[in-house]
Protein backbone atom coordinates (compact mmCIF):
# COMPACT_ATOMS: atom_id res chain seq x y z
CA MET A 1 11.30 4.69 -9.72
CA CYS A 2 10.61 6.67 -6.81
CA PHE A 3 14.20 6.79 -4.62
CA ALA A 4 15.42 7.55 -8.43
CA GLN A 5 13.09 11.05 -8.35
CA GLY A 6 14.21 11.77 -4.26
CA ALA A 7 10.74 10.06 -2.99
CA ARG A 8 9.61 6.96 -1.64
CA LEU A 9 6.47 4.71 -2.33
CA ALA A 10 3.13 6.66 -0.52
CA SER A 11 2.41 4.93 2.33
CA ILE A 12 -1.13 6.60 2.11
CA PRO A 13 -1.46 7.80 5.61
CA THR A 14 -5.29 8.95 5.89
CA ALA A 15 -8.54 7.99 4.00
CA SER A 16 -8.46 11.42 2.45
CA GLN A 17 -5.16 10.50 0.44
CA MET A 18 -6.10 7.25 -0.07
CA ASN A 19 -9.44 8.29 -1.62
CA PHE A 20 -7.87 11.18 -3.82
CA ILE A 21 -5.15 8.26 -5.18
CA TYR A 22 -8.07 5.62 -5.78
CA ASN A 23 -10.18 8.63 -7.37
CA ASN A 24 -7.80 10.14 -9.50
CA ALA A 25 -6.06 6.38 -10.85
CA PRO A 26 -6.86 5.01 -14.30
CA SER A 27 -9.65 2.78 -13.68
CA HIS A 28 -8.83 -0.66 -13.68
CA SER A 29 -5.83 -0.11 -12.46
CA THR A 30 -3.58 -1.83 -9.43
CA ILE A 31 -1.55 0.12 -7.77
CA TRP A 32 1.61 -0.40 -5.14
CA VAL A 33 0.94 0.54 -1.54
CA GLY A 34 3.90 2.01 0.50
CA ILE A 35 3.22 -1.22 3.29
CA ASN A 36 4.45 -4.74 3.04
CA ASN A 37 5.66 -7.80 4.79
CA VAL A 38 8.82 -8.33 7.07
CA ASP A 39 9.78 -11.25 8.62
CA GLY A 40 5.96 -11.69 9.55
CA THR A 41 5.21 -8.11 10.61
CA TRP A 42 3.44 -5.59 8.60
CA MET A 43 5.74 -2.36 7.86
CA ASP A 44 5.47 0.72 6.03
CA VAL A 45 7.76 2.69 4.03
CA ARG A 46 8.41 5.29 6.98
CA GLY A 47 9.43 2.10 9.24
CA ASN A 48 5.61 2.08 11.44
CA THR A 49 4.48 -1.50 12.19
CA ARG A 50 0.94 -3.16 12.07
CA GLY A 51 0.70 -4.51 15.69
CA PRO A 52 -1.83 -4.29 18.43
CA GLN A 53 -1.23 -0.59 19.04
CA GLY A 54 -2.07 0.15 14.81
CA GLU A 55 1.25 1.87 14.74
CA ILE A 56 0.68 2.24 10.78
CA PRO A 57 -1.67 5.49 11.00
CA TYR A 58 -4.11 4.05 8.10
CA THR A 59 -4.50 1.02 6.60
CA ASN A 60 -7.59 -0.01 4.45
CA TRP A 61 -7.83 -3.52 4.51
CA ASP A 62 -10.07 -5.49 2.10
CA THR A 63 -11.79 -8.22 4.06
CA GLY A 64 -10.38 -11.37 5.14
CA GLU A 65 -6.54 -9.12 4.48
CA PRO A 66 -3.54 -9.17 5.08
CA ASN A 67 -4.06 -13.16 4.39
CA ASN A 68 0.21 -13.33 3.08
CA ALA A 69 -1.77 -16.05 0.52
CA PHE A 70 -0.05 -14.24 -2.28
CA GLY A 71 2.78 -12.44 -1.73
CA ALA A 72 4.36 -9.09 0.82
CA CYS A 73 3.34 -6.49 -0.69
CA ALA A 74 0.33 -4.72 -1.22
CA ILE A 75 -1.65 -3.10 -3.53
CA ILE A 76 -5.19 -1.17 -3.94
CA THR A 77 -7.42 -3.48 -6.06
CA PRO A 78 -9.31 -1.94 -8.81
CA VAL A 79 -12.51 -2.72 -8.20
CA THR A 80 -12.88 -2.04 -4.39
CA GLY A 81 -10.31 0.22 -3.88
CA LYS A 82 -9.23 -1.75 -0.67
CA TRP A 83 -6.05 -3.20 -0.28
CA ALA A 84 -4.84 -6.76 -0.86
CA VAL A 85 -1.76 -8.59 -0.44
CA HIS A 86 0.05 -9.07 -3.60
CA ALA A 87 3.10 -10.64 -4.63
CA CYS A 88 6.20 -7.78 -4.55
CA THR A 89 6.63 -8.38 -8.29
CA GLY A 90 4.89 -7.36 -11.13
CA ASN A 91 4.35 -4.05 -13.76
CA GLN A 92 1.57 -2.30 -11.52
CA LEU A 93 1.43 2.06 -11.31
CA TYR A 94 2.60 3.43 -8.10
CA VAL A 95 2.32 6.62 -5.92
CA CYS A 96 5.68 8.37 -4.91
CA ALA A 97 5.61 10.89 -1.75
CA LYS A 98 8.32 13.27 -1.03
CA GLY A 99 8.74 15.00 2.80
C-alpha cells in the first residue's frame, strides 16, 4: 500500500517519531514497523542493518526481542508500545513515510 502511494513503510528512526505514531494510533492496534529480518540480519526499509555498530538509528524492542521465533517482521505491540517479532502476514495498521 505504501509503494502505491509513492512512499515506504515507516522505519521509525527516532524515539519522538515512535511516540508520535504510538500515541496517535487507535488503541489496541498492532502496527507494522519498517524493519524485517533478511537472511538472519535485521534491516530497515532504508537498508540500514542491526549489528554491533548499531547501524539502525533507533529500535524499541521489547525485552527478549528480537527473538525470531514468530516471524521475520517487526510490529509495535498495542499494550506496551514496544516492538516484537511477528509473521510477515496479516492485516495490521501501518504508517507510510515519504522522503
